Amino acid sequence: MWRVYTPKTMKTKGKSNYLIEKRGIEQIDSIKFMTLRLMFKKQKRWIATTKQSNNV
């Protein structure tokens, strides 16, 4: 399991956002990101994480 954060340019439920690079994951291009974004938007879940998103 790994975390998915939206870029800083997007507001996500008023919580601070981190780029995927902060988790040590390769930077994905915009097309892949849009695909991920659509997936999470359909699932109504912007942040997928194993822990609570409170400990930022």
N, C-alpha and C. Protein backbone atom coordinates (compact mmCIF):
# COMPACT_ATOMS: atom_id res chain seq x y z
N MET A 1 0.86 -1.20 0.00
CA MET A 1 0.00 0.00 0.00
C MET A 1 0.89 1.24 0.00
N TRP A 2 0.48 2.24 -0.73
CA TRP A 2 1.25 3.48 -0.78
C TRP A 2 0.31 4.65 -0.88
N ARG A 3 0.79 5.80 -0.45
CA ARG A 3 -0.07 6.98 -0.40
C ARG A 3 -0.12 7.67 -1.75
N VAL A 4 -1.26 8.28 -2.02
CA VAL A 4 -1.41 9.07 -3.23
C VAL A 4 -1.86 10.46 -2.82
N TYR A 5 -1.06 11.46 -3.15
CA TYR A 5 -1.42 12.83 -2.82
C TYR A 5 -1.62 13.62 -4.11
N THR A 6 -2.56 14.51 -4.08
CA THR A 6 -2.75 15.39 -5.22
C THR A 6 -1.67 16.47 -5.18
N PRO A 7 -1.33 17.05 -6.31
CA PRO A 7 -0.32 18.11 -6.34
C PRO A 7 -0.76 19.31 -5.52
N LYS A 8 0.22 20.16 -5.18
CA LYS A 8 -0.07 21.32 -4.35
C LYS A 8 -1.02 22.29 -5.04
N THR A 9 -1.14 22.18 -6.36
CA THR A 9 -1.99 23.12 -7.09
C THR A 9 -3.46 22.81 -6.87
N MET A 10 -3.77 21.64 -6.33
CA MET A 10 -5.16 21.26 -6.14
C MET A 10 -5.50 21.23 -4.66
N LYS A 11 -6.70 21.69 -4.33
CA LYS A 11 -7.15 21.68 -2.94
C LYS A 11 -7.82 20.33 -2.66
N THR A 12 -7.40 19.69 -1.58
CA THR A 12 -7.98 18.40 -1.25
C THR A 12 -8.56 18.45 0.15
N LYS A 13 -9.84 18.74 0.23
CA LYS A 13 -10.55 18.73 1.51
C LYS A 13 -9.85 19.58 2.56
N GLY A 14 -9.22 20.64 2.11
CA GLY A 14 -8.61 21.59 3.05
C GLY A 14 -7.39 21.07 3.79
N LYS A 15 -6.84 19.94 3.37
CA LYS A 15 -5.66 19.40 4.04
C LYS A 15 -4.43 19.69 3.21
N SER A 16 -3.28 19.73 3.88
CA SER A 16 -2.05 20.01 3.14
C SER A 16 -1.74 18.88 2.18
N ASN A 17 -1.29 19.25 1.02
CA ASN A 17 -1.02 18.25 -0.02
C ASN A 17 0.48 18.09 -0.22
N TYR A 18 0.87 16.89 -0.55
CA TYR A 18 2.27 16.62 -0.83
C TYR A 18 2.38 15.95 -2.19
N LEU A 19 3.47 16.26 -2.86
CA LEU A 19 3.70 15.62 -4.15
C LEU A 19 4.11 14.18 -3.93
N ILE A 20 3.87 13.37 -4.95
CA ILE A 20 4.18 11.94 -4.83
C ILE A 20 5.69 11.73 -4.63
N GLU A 21 6.50 12.68 -5.12
CA GLU A 21 7.94 12.54 -4.98
C GLU A 21 8.35 12.51 -3.52
N LYS A 22 7.55 13.14 -2.65
CA LYS A 22 7.90 13.18 -1.23
C LYS A 22 7.88 11.79 -0.63
N ARG A 23 7.13 10.89 -1.23
CA ARG A 23 7.08 9.51 -0.73
C ARG A 23 8.15 8.65 -1.41
N GLY A 24 9.02 9.27 -2.20
CA GLY A 24 10.08 8.52 -2.83
C GLY A 24 9.62 7.77 -4.07
N ILE A 25 8.50 8.20 -4.63
CA ILE A 25 7.98 7.54 -5.83
C ILE A 25 8.32 8.39 -7.05
N GLU A 26 8.59 7.74 -8.16
CA GLU A 26 8.94 8.47 -9.37
C GLU A 26 7.83 9.43 -9.76
N GLN A 27 8.23 10.55 -10.34
CA GLN A 27 7.24 11.53 -10.77
C GLN A 27 6.49 10.98 -11.98
N ILE A 28 5.16 11.01 -11.89
CA ILE A 28 4.35 10.50 -12.99
C ILE A 28 3.95 11.65 -13.90
N ASP A 29 3.76 11.36 -15.17
CA ASP A 29 3.40 12.40 -16.11
C ASP A 29 1.94 12.79 -15.93
N SER A 30 1.54 13.85 -16.61
CA SER A 30 0.20 14.40 -16.39
C SER A 30 -0.89 13.43 -16.82
N ILE A 31 -0.63 12.65 -17.86
CA ILE A 31 -1.67 11.74 -18.34
C ILE A 31 -1.94 10.67 -17.29
N LYS A 32 -0.89 10.08 -16.76
CA LYS A 32 -1.08 9.08 -15.71
C LYS A 32 -1.74 9.69 -14.49
N PHE A 33 -1.36 10.93 -14.18
CA PHE A 33 -1.95 11.58 -13.01
C PHE A 33 -3.44 11.82 -13.23
N MET A 34 -3.82 12.25 -14.43
CA MET A 34 -5.23 12.47 -14.71
C MET A 34 -5.99 11.15 -14.57
N THR A 35 -5.37 10.05 -15.00
CA THR A 35 -6.03 8.75 -14.86
C THR A 35 -6.23 8.41 -13.39
N LEU A 36 -5.17 8.62 -12.59
CA LEU A 36 -5.29 8.36 -11.15
C LEU A 36 -6.36 9.27 -10.55
N ARG A 37 -6.35 10.53 -10.99
CA ARG A 37 -7.30 11.49 -10.43
C ARG A 37 -8.73 11.07 -10.73
N LEU A 38 -8.97 10.61 -11.95
CA LEU A 38 -10.31 10.17 -12.30
C LEU A 38 -10.70 8.94 -11.48
N MET A 39 -9.75 8.03 -11.29
CA MET A 39 -10.03 6.84 -10.49
C MET A 39 -10.45 7.22 -9.08
N PHE A 40 -9.65 8.07 -8.44
CA PHE A 40 -9.96 8.45 -7.06
C PHE A 40 -11.22 9.29 -7.00
N LYS A 41 -11.45 10.09 -8.04
CA LYS A 41 -12.65 10.91 -8.02
C LYS A 41 -13.89 10.04 -8.10
N LYS A 42 -13.81 8.99 -8.91
CA LYS A 42 -14.96 8.09 -9.01
C LYS A 42 -15.18 7.35 -7.69
N GLN A 43 -14.08 7.03 -7.01
CA GLN A 43 -14.20 6.34 -5.73
C GLN A 43 -14.50 7.31 -4.60
N LYS A 44 -14.57 8.62 -4.94
CA LYS A 44 -14.79 9.65 -3.93
C LYS A 44 -13.77 9.54 -2.81
N ARG A 45 -12.55 9.20 -3.20
CA ARG A 45 -11.48 9.10 -2.22
C ARG A 45 -10.22 9.70 -2.83
N TRP A 46 -9.89 10.90 -2.42
CA TRP A 46 -8.74 11.59 -3.02
C TRP A 46 -7.42 11.07 -2.47
N ILE A 47 -7.41 10.74 -1.19
CA ILE A 47 -6.15 10.30 -0.58
C ILE A 47 -6.28 8.85 -0.15
N ALA A 48 -5.43 8.00 -0.72
CA ALA A 48 -5.43 6.60 -0.34
C ALA A 48 -4.19 6.35 0.51
N THR A 49 -4.39 5.96 1.74
CA THR A 49 -3.25 5.78 2.62
C THR A 49 -3.54 4.67 3.61
N THR A 50 -2.47 4.12 4.18
CA THR A 50 -2.64 3.06 5.16
C THR A 50 -2.91 3.63 6.54
N LYS A 51 -2.43 4.89 6.76
CA LYS A 51 -2.64 5.54 8.04
C LYS A 51 -3.62 6.69 7.89
N GLN A 52 -3.99 7.29 8.98
CA GLN A 52 -4.85 8.48 8.92
C GLN A 52 -4.04 9.62 8.32
N SER A 53 -4.72 10.49 7.58
CA SER A 53 -4.03 11.58 6.92
C SER A 53 -3.76 12.74 7.88
N ASN A 54 -4.02 12.53 9.17
CA ASN A 54 -3.80 13.60 10.14
C ASN A 54 -2.32 13.81 10.41
N ASN A 55 -1.55 12.71 10.46
CA ASN A 55 -0.13 12.85 10.76
C ASN A 55 0.63 13.24 9.50
N VAL A 56 0.56 14.52 9.17
CA VAL A 56 1.24 15.02 7.97
C VAL A 56 2.60 15.56 8.36
